[in-house]
Amino acid sequence: MAEQLKRDRTPVAWNRAGAGALLSLTVVLFLAVVFNVAIGRTIHWDIVAVLGGAGFVGLTLAFRYVR
């Protein structure tokens, strides 16, 4: 039992974690653009760049270590 728990907590590979984070952020940014255009607002891309970069790092770490 203890071996199984230890084995289940191994981190995901970096490339899989990065791919999951990239896919998640792509979907979120796509939806943000579509909804903002639909309601007639513009997105401030400087904010999106900062939050997107921070989100990518945070999601990559979360996908890698949190199970």
Protein backbone atom coordinates (compact mmCIF):
# COMPACT_ATOMS: atom_id res chain seq x y z
CA MET A 1 0.00 0.00 0.00
CA ALA A 2 2.74 2.47 0.92
CA GLU A 3 4.59 1.68 -2.33
CA GLN A 4 1.47 2.37 -4.35
CA LEU A 5 0.94 5.74 -2.66
CA LYS A 6 4.55 6.70 -3.24
CA ARG A 7 4.37 5.70 -6.89
CA ASP A 8 1.16 7.70 -7.47
CA ARG A 9 2.76 10.91 -6.22
CA THR A 10 5.59 11.06 -8.73
CA PRO A 11 5.56 14.33 -10.68
CA VAL A 12 4.30 14.46 -14.24
CA ALA A 13 6.99 15.02 -16.88
CA TRP A 14 7.78 18.66 -17.65
CA ASN A 15 6.75 18.36 -21.30
CA ARG A 16 3.33 16.93 -20.37
CA ALA A 17 2.82 19.59 -17.69
CA GLY A 18 3.80 22.36 -20.12
CA ALA A 19 1.53 20.97 -22.82
CA GLY A 20 -1.41 20.84 -20.41
CA ALA A 21 -0.77 24.39 -19.28
CA LEU A 22 -0.42 25.61 -22.87
CA LEU A 23 -3.66 23.94 -23.90
CA SER A 24 -5.52 25.37 -20.91
CA LEU A 25 -4.26 28.90 -21.48
CA THR A 26 -5.00 28.70 -25.20
CA VAL A 27 -8.62 27.80 -24.50
CA VAL A 28 -8.99 30.51 -21.84
CA LEU A 29 -7.43 33.23 -24.00
CA PHE A 30 -9.51 32.19 -27.02
CA LEU A 31 -12.70 32.40 -24.96
CA ALA A 32 -11.63 35.77 -23.54
CA VAL A 33 -11.09 37.18 -27.02
CA VAL A 34 -14.41 35.82 -28.33
CA PHE A 35 -16.43 37.10 -25.39
CA ASN A 36 -14.74 40.51 -25.34
CA VAL A 37 -15.39 41.00 -29.06
CA ALA A 38 -18.98 39.84 -28.60
CA ILE A 39 -19.65 42.48 -25.95
CA GLY A 40 -17.75 45.20 -27.81
CA ARG A 41 -14.73 45.52 -25.53
CA THR A 42 -11.08 45.42 -26.38
CA ILE A 43 -8.48 43.44 -24.52
CA HIS A 44 -5.43 45.21 -23.17
CA TRP A 45 -2.72 42.89 -24.46
CA ASP A 46 -0.06 44.13 -22.03
CA ILE A 47 -2.15 42.77 -19.16
CA VAL A 48 -2.86 39.55 -21.07
CA ALA A 49 0.86 39.05 -21.71
CA VAL A 50 1.77 39.42 -18.03
CA LEU A 51 -1.10 37.31 -16.72
CA GLY A 52 -0.66 34.74 -19.49
CA GLY A 53 3.02 34.29 -18.68
CA ALA A 54 2.36 34.03 -14.96
CA GLY A 55 -0.54 31.69 -15.62
CA PHE A 56 1.61 29.46 -17.80
CA VAL A 57 4.26 29.11 -15.10
CA GLY A 58 1.67 28.55 -12.38
CA LEU A 59 -0.32 26.02 -14.38
CA THR A 60 2.82 24.16 -15.44
CA LEU A 61 3.87 23.78 -11.82
CA ALA A 62 0.36 22.79 -10.81
CA PHE A 63 0.07 20.18 -13.55
CA ARG A 64 3.49 18.81 -12.62
CA TYR A 65 3.17 18.56 -8.84
CA VAL A 66 -0.52 18.62 -7.86
CA ARG A 67 -2.35 15.35 -8.34
